[in-house]
């Protein structure tokens, strides 16, 4: 006789394993290498969506309902965070091979550093398994605001770049979700 695996435990374990890719992305950022990061983040997002669907199908009545709902809310937040970072990585990939100096170059460096710190914050939060903390929201909102500032300055420099304008639009949409 085998017992059914607890879906909450399975979800937590799966998300802990996902945090290993955050660690890989941090190592890449330390080398200023953003190649493949969008795909890694999209893969993470897909894994979380899959785990979320699995949990939604297993919600039971009784005392575990609150735990299921808390876990599903946690997953919603992680999906939003992943989407934020996917867009920021797209922006960083857009600027990657352009010789930007001065204030805009500084903004790029600052965004890389803030993205690294955000990944580090998220990785440690996931390993410690804390659920949403009030500071989590401001960390991601600040990251998006920095990305929007950079995108606005880049659009002024490159007004005919429709792909850049699209990235800026996506950043605006993500900020509206906060």
Protein backbone atom coordinates (compact mmCIF):
# COMPACT_ATOMS: atom_id res chain seq x y z
CA UNK A 1 0.00 0.00 0.00
CA UNK A 2 1.41 3.37 -0.99
CA UNK A 3 0.23 6.70 0.34
CA UNK A 4 -0.45 9.64 -1.90
CA UNK A 5 2.21 12.34 -1.84
CA UNK A 6 1.11 15.54 -0.12
CA UNK A 7 0.66 18.14 -2.90
CA UNK A 8 1.69 21.00 -0.60
CA UNK A 9 4.96 19.29 0.23
CA UNK A 10 5.52 18.48 -3.43
CA UNK A 11 4.92 22.12 -4.36
CA UNK A 12 7.32 23.45 -1.75
CA UNK A 13 10.03 20.98 -2.81
CA UNK A 14 9.55 21.84 -6.47
CA UNK A 15 9.84 25.57 -5.78
CA UNK A 16 12.94 25.01 -3.66
CA UNK A 17 14.49 23.17 -6.58
CA UNK A 18 13.53 26.04 -8.88
CA UNK A 19 15.54 28.40 -6.67
CA UNK A 20 18.69 26.59 -7.86
CA UNK A 21 18.26 28.34 -11.22
CA UNK A 22 18.22 31.68 -9.36
CA UNK A 23 21.64 30.73 -8.04
CA UNK A 24 22.88 29.98 -11.58
CA UNK A 25 21.54 33.32 -12.80
CA UNK A 26 23.34 35.14 -9.99
CA UNK A 27 26.59 33.47 -11.03
CA UNK A 28 25.96 34.58 -14.63
CA UNK A 29 25.24 38.15 -13.53
CA UNK A 30 28.51 38.19 -11.60
CA UNK A 31 30.19 37.66 -14.99
CA UNK A 32 27.85 40.22 -16.66
CA UNK A 33 26.54 37.36 -18.78
CA UNK A 34 22.80 37.52 -19.39
CA UNK A 35 22.70 34.94 -22.17
CA UNK A 36 20.15 32.23 -21.59
CA UNK A 37 18.69 33.97 -18.54
CA UNK A 38 15.40 34.76 -20.24
CA UNK A 39 14.96 31.10 -21.08
CA UNK A 40 15.88 30.07 -17.54
CA UNK A 41 13.36 32.51 -16.08
CA UNK A 42 10.67 31.41 -18.56
CA UNK A 43 11.38 27.78 -17.58
CA UNK A 44 10.98 28.67 -13.93
CA UNK A 45 7.72 30.43 -14.67
CA UNK A 46 6.46 27.37 -16.55
CA UNK A 47 7.40 25.07 -13.67
CA UNK A 48 5.57 27.28 -11.19
CA UNK A 49 2.49 27.42 -13.44
CA UNK A 50 2.56 23.61 -13.66
CA UNK A 51 2.84 23.27 -9.88
CA UNK A 52 0.05 25.80 -9.45
CA UNK A 53 -2.28 23.82 -11.72
CA UNK A 54 -1.44 20.65 -9.81
CA UNK A 55 -2.31 22.34 -6.51
CA UNK A 56 -5.52 23.84 -7.83
CA UNK A 57 -6.68 20.37 -8.78
CA UNK A 58 -5.96 19.01 -5.30
CA UNK A 59 -7.61 21.60 -3.02
CA UNK A 60 -9.54 19.76 -0.39
CA UNK A 61 -12.08 20.92 2.11
CA UNK A 62 -11.14 21.23 5.72
CA UNK A 63 -8.18 22.67 7.53
CA UNK A 64 -5.75 22.42 4.62
CA UNK A 65 -7.72 24.89 2.49
CA UNK A 66 -5.93 27.87 4.06
CA UNK A 67 -2.56 26.25 3.41
CA UNK A 68 -3.49 25.57 -0.23
CA UNK A 69 -4.71 29.14 -0.71
CA UNK A 70 -1.57 30.58 0.88
CA UNK A 71 0.60 28.43 -1.37
CA UNK A 72 -1.38 29.41 -4.47
CA UNK A 73 -1.05 33.09 -3.54
CA UNK A 74 2.70 32.57 -3.09
CA UNK A 75 2.86 31.04 -6.56
CA UNK A 76 0.96 33.99 -8.08
CA UNK A 77 3.57 36.31 -6.62
CA UNK A 78 6.44 34.19 -7.97
CA UNK A 79 4.86 34.17 -11.43
CA UNK A 80 4.59 37.99 -11.32
CA UNK A 81 8.21 38.26 -10.19
CA UNK A 82 9.37 35.97 -12.99
CA UNK A 83 7.47 38.03 -15.55
CA UNK A 84 9.09 41.21 -14.18
CA UNK A 85 12.54 39.72 -14.52
CA UNK A 86 11.89 38.29 -17.99
CA UNK A 87 11.06 41.80 -19.23
CA UNK A 88 14.09 43.32 -17.49
CA UNK A 89 16.33 40.67 -19.05
CA UNK A 90 14.85 41.56 -22.45
CA UNK A 91 15.80 45.19 -21.82
CA UNK A 92 19.32 44.22 -20.75
CA UNK A 93 19.67 42.01 -23.82
CA UNK A 94 18.59 44.94 -25.98
CA UNK A 95 21.37 47.16 -24.58
CA UNK A 96 23.97 44.39 -24.36
CA UNK A 97 25.90 45.10 -27.57
CA UNK A 98 25.38 48.86 -27.68
CA UNK A 99 28.22 51.10 -26.55
CA UNK A 100 26.45 53.11 -23.86
CA UNK A 101 28.43 55.47 -21.68
CA UNK A 102 27.78 58.15 -19.13
CA UNK A 103 24.53 58.21 -17.20
CA UNK A 104 22.87 55.55 -19.35
CA UNK A 105 25.85 53.22 -18.90
CA UNK A 106 25.59 53.78 -15.17
CA UNK A 107 21.85 53.00 -15.31
CA UNK A 108 22.60 49.71 -17.07
CA UNK A 109 25.18 48.78 -14.42
CA UNK A 110 22.74 49.76 -11.67
CA UNK A 111 19.97 47.64 -13.21
CA UNK A 112 22.29 44.63 -13.47
CA UNK A 113 23.28 45.07 -9.82
CA UNK A 114 19.67 45.50 -8.69
CA UNK A 115 18.57 42.44 -10.67
CA UNK A 116 21.32 40.42 -8.98
CA UNK A 117 20.28 41.65 -5.54
CA UNK A 118 16.63 40.87 -6.29
CA UNK A 119 17.51 37.34 -7.35
CA UNK A 120 19.62 36.91 -4.22
CA UNK A 121 16.82 38.25 -2.01
CA UNK A 122 14.32 35.94 -3.68
CA UNK A 123 16.61 32.90 -3.50
CA UNK A 124 17.21 33.33 0.23
CA UNK A 125 13.52 33.98 0.85
CA UNK A 126 12.59 30.80 -1.00
CA UNK A 127 15.16 28.71 0.83
CA UNK A 128 13.92 30.14 4.13
CA UNK A 129 10.39 29.60 2.82
CA UNK A 130 8.97 32.88 3.98
CA UNK A 131 5.70 33.90 2.47
CA UNK A 132 5.12 37.41 1.22
CA UNK A 133 6.81 40.06 3.26
CA UNK A 134 5.85 43.73 2.81
CA UNK A 135 9.38 44.48 1.57
CA UNK A 136 9.04 41.95 -1.29
CA UNK A 137 6.66 44.21 -3.14
CA UNK A 138 8.91 47.26 -2.95
CA UNK A 139 11.96 45.28 -4.09
CA UNK A 140 10.24 44.36 -7.35
CA UNK A 141 8.54 47.70 -7.80
CA UNK A 142 11.89 49.50 -7.39
CA UNK A 143 13.50 47.12 -9.89
CA UNK A 144 10.75 47.87 -12.42
CA UNK A 145 11.02 51.62 -11.81
CA UNK A 146 14.77 51.51 -12.46
CA UNK A 147 14.12 49.53 -15.65
CA UNK A 148 11.48 52.04 -16.74
CA UNK A 149 13.86 54.96 -16.17
CA UNK A 150 16.48 53.26 -18.31
CA UNK A 151 13.93 52.35 -20.99
CA UNK A 152 12.65 55.95 -21.13
CA UNK A 153 16.19 57.29 -21.57
CA UNK A 154 16.93 54.70 -24.24
CA UNK A 155 13.75 55.54 -26.16
CA UNK A 156 14.90 59.19 -26.22
CA UNK A 157 18.23 58.05 -27.68
CA UNK A 158 16.72 55.47 -30.06
CA UNK A 159 13.18 56.71 -30.84
CA UNK A 160 12.73 54.48 -33.91
CA UNK A 161 13.34 51.18 -32.12
CA UNK A 162 9.90 49.55 -31.94
CA UNK A 163 11.23 46.57 -29.96
CA UNK A 164 12.54 48.94 -27.28
CA UNK A 165 9.24 50.80 -27.18
CA UNK A 166 7.47 47.42 -26.74
CA UNK A 167 9.76 46.54 -23.81
CA UNK A 168 8.97 49.90 -22.21
CA UNK A 169 5.23 49.21 -22.65
CA UNK A 170 5.61 45.82 -20.94
CA UNK A 171 7.42 47.45 -18.00
CA UNK A 172 4.57 49.97 -17.68
CA UNK A 173 2.06 47.10 -17.68
CA UNK A 174 3.95 45.25 -14.95
CA UNK A 175 4.18 48.37 -12.81
CA UNK A 176 0.41 48.81 -13.14
CA UNK A 177 0.01 45.41 -11.48
CA UNK A 178 1.53 46.84 -8.30
